[in-house]
Amino acid sequence: MQDLVGGQVDVMFDSATNALPHVGADGIKAYATLTKSRLASAPDIPTVDEAGLPGFYFSAWYALWAPKATPRSVISRLNSAVVQALADAKVRASLAGQGMEIYPPEQQTPEALGALQKAEIEKWWPIIKAANLKVE
């Protein structure tokens, strides 16, 4: 972000959380969100579909993970605590103010997280392999 603000790079793909505080204030322009719908925290920024690059979606998402052998009862308690926190109006407002979108309650389950992870792997793994990207 420092290089973008300082004019060292011309374009950057970044999370809304990191980019939104700099839009306008530091002279950077947001061309589009990489989402299917506009962000509630930035309704004036068009989606990639609206900007002319239909279907180029990417999202950063956050999750809690536990070791594989964690008892189901512990997972349920952790999940309940997270769901309860995400239902709190102050938490929701704080996250929205940072440009984060909260999944609806039916998607706030371990099963939904597993499905999301699987879908993301199926989407991105062929691209990673085709580009021969390696972790360094």
Protein backbone atom coordinates (compact mmCIF):
# COMPACT_ATOMS: atom_id res chain seq x y z
CA MET A 1 0.00 0.00 0.00
CA GLN A 2 2.87 2.37 0.76
CA ASP A 3 4.24 1.85 -2.74
CA LEU A 4 0.83 2.49 -4.31
CA VAL A 5 0.24 5.63 -2.27
CA GLY A 6 3.81 6.74 -3.00
CA GLY A 7 3.47 6.16 -6.74
CA GLN A 8 6.02 3.32 -6.89
CA VAL A 9 3.42 0.89 -8.32
CA ASP A 10 0.51 1.68 -10.60
CA VAL A 11 -2.07 -0.92 -9.58
CA MET A 12 -2.73 -3.25 -6.67
CA PHE A 13 -5.24 -5.92 -5.70
CA ASP A 14 -5.86 -5.64 -1.96
CA SER A 15 -8.45 -6.31 0.68
CA ALA A 16 -11.09 -3.70 1.36
CA THR A 17 -9.95 -3.63 4.98
CA ASN A 18 -6.54 -2.40 3.93
CA ALA A 19 -7.48 -0.31 0.90
CA LEU A 20 -10.62 1.60 1.89
CA PRO A 21 -8.92 3.94 4.38
CA HIS A 22 -6.67 5.13 1.55
CA VAL A 23 -9.31 5.56 -1.15
CA GLY A 24 -9.64 9.27 -1.80
CA ALA A 25 -7.79 10.32 1.34
CA ASP A 26 -4.37 9.33 0.01
CA GLY A 27 -5.20 9.85 -3.62
CA ILE A 28 -5.71 6.24 -4.66
CA LYS A 29 -8.62 5.24 -6.84
CA ALA A 30 -10.65 2.08 -6.39
CA TYR A 31 -11.67 0.78 -9.82
CA ALA A 32 -13.78 -2.15 -8.64
CA THR A 33 -14.45 -4.67 -5.93
CA LEU A 34 -13.70 -8.29 -6.82
CA THR A 35 -17.15 -9.28 -5.57
CA LYS A 36 -20.53 -10.11 -7.07
CA SER A 37 -22.24 -7.27 -5.23
CA ARG A 38 -21.14 -3.85 -4.03
CA LEU A 39 -19.70 -3.56 -0.55
CA ALA A 40 -22.00 -2.03 2.04
CA SER A 41 -19.04 -0.02 3.33
CA ALA A 42 -18.20 1.31 -0.14
CA PRO A 43 -21.40 1.45 -2.20
CA ASP A 44 -19.93 3.89 -4.74
CA ILE A 45 -17.25 1.43 -5.88
CA PRO A 46 -18.53 -0.75 -8.75
CA THR A 47 -18.17 -4.51 -8.88
CA VAL A 48 -15.87 -6.16 -11.42
CA ASP A 49 -18.94 -7.14 -13.41
CA GLU A 50 -20.01 -3.49 -13.59
CA ALA A 51 -16.46 -2.37 -14.38
CA GLY A 52 -16.19 -4.64 -17.41
CA LEU A 53 -14.40 -7.72 -16.09
CA PRO A 54 -17.30 -10.08 -15.46
CA GLY A 55 -16.75 -13.10 -13.25
CA PHE A 56 -13.31 -12.08 -11.92
CA TYR A 57 -14.22 -12.68 -8.28
CA PHE A 58 -11.83 -13.00 -5.40
CA SER A 59 -12.44 -12.63 -1.72
CA ALA A 60 -10.33 -12.76 1.39
CA TRP A 61 -12.14 -14.64 4.10
CA TYR A 62 -11.36 -15.41 7.70
CA ALA A 63 -12.07 -18.53 9.71
CA LEU A 64 -11.17 -20.23 12.94
CA TRP A 65 -9.41 -23.58 12.67
CA ALA A 66 -8.75 -26.24 15.28
CA PRO A 67 -6.63 -29.40 15.23
CA LYS A 68 -8.23 -32.32 13.39
CA ALA A 69 -8.69 -34.34 16.59
CA THR A 70 -10.61 -31.59 18.39
CA PRO A 71 -13.79 -33.08 19.89
CA ARG A 72 -17.01 -32.17 18.09
CA SER A 73 -18.40 -30.70 21.33
CA VAL A 74 -15.51 -28.22 21.50
CA ILE A 75 -15.98 -27.26 17.84
CA SER A 76 -19.69 -26.68 18.53
CA ARG A 77 -18.93 -24.44 21.52
CA LEU A 78 -16.39 -22.41 19.56
CA ASN A 79 -18.76 -22.08 16.62
CA SER A 80 -21.60 -20.97 18.89
CA ALA A 81 -19.39 -18.30 20.45
CA VAL A 82 -18.36 -16.98 17.04
CA VAL A 83 -21.94 -16.96 15.72
CA GLN A 84 -23.05 -15.11 18.85
CA ALA A 85 -20.26 -12.55 18.48
CA LEU A 86 -21.05 -12.00 14.80
CA ALA A 87 -24.70 -11.38 15.68
CA ASP A 88 -23.76 -8.51 18.02
CA ALA A 89 -24.62 -5.14 16.47
CA LYS A 90 -21.40 -3.47 17.67
CA VAL A 91 -19.23 -6.25 16.28
CA ARG A 92 -21.09 -6.17 12.97
CA ALA A 93 -20.74 -2.39 12.75
CA SER A 94 -17.04 -2.55 13.54
CA LEU A 95 -16.37 -5.22 10.92
CA ALA A 96 -18.51 -3.44 8.32
CA GLY A 97 -16.60 -0.23 9.01
CA GLN A 98 -13.42 -2.10 8.11
CA GLY A 99 -14.89 -3.23 4.80
CA MET A 100 -15.64 -6.76 5.93
CA GLU A 101 -18.77 -8.61 4.91
CA ILE A 102 -20.29 -11.14 7.32
CA TYR A 103 -21.64 -14.38 5.94
CA PRO A 104 -25.31 -15.06 6.74
CA PRO A 105 -25.97 -17.32 9.77
CA GLU A 106 -26.65 -20.43 7.67
CA GLN A 107 -23.10 -20.12 6.31
CA GLN A 108 -21.52 -19.75 9.75
CA THR A 109 -21.13 -23.49 10.36
CA PRO A 110 -18.18 -25.88 10.24
CA GLU A 111 -19.87 -27.67 7.34
CA ALA A 112 -20.28 -24.45 5.36
CA LEU A 113 -16.64 -23.55 6.03
CA GLY A 114 -15.56 -26.96 4.75
CA ALA A 115 -17.61 -26.47 1.58
CA LEU A 116 -16.15 -22.97 1.07
CA GLN A 117 -12.61 -24.26 1.52
CA LYS A 118 -13.23 -27.10 -0.93
CA ALA A 119 -14.71 -24.71 -3.51
CA GLU A 120 -11.76 -22.31 -3.15
CA ILE A 121 -9.26 -25.14 -3.61
CA GLU A 122 -11.10 -26.37 -6.71
CA LYS A 123 -11.17 -22.82 -8.11
CA TRP A 124 -7.59 -21.76 -7.44
CA TRP A 125 -5.50 -24.96 -7.53
CA PRO A 126 -5.64 -25.35 -11.34
CA ILE A 127 -4.58 -21.70 -11.74
CA ILE A 128 -1.71 -22.15 -9.27
CA LYS A 129 -0.55 -25.31 -11.06
CA ALA A 130 -0.86 -23.76 -14.54
CA ALA A 131 1.22 -20.78 -13.45
CA ASN A 132 3.74 -23.12 -11.78
CA LEU A 133 3.62 -21.05 -8.60
CA LYS A 134 5.74 -22.27 -5.70
CA VAL A 135 5.92 -21.26 -2.06
CA GLU A 136 9.26 -19.64 -1.29
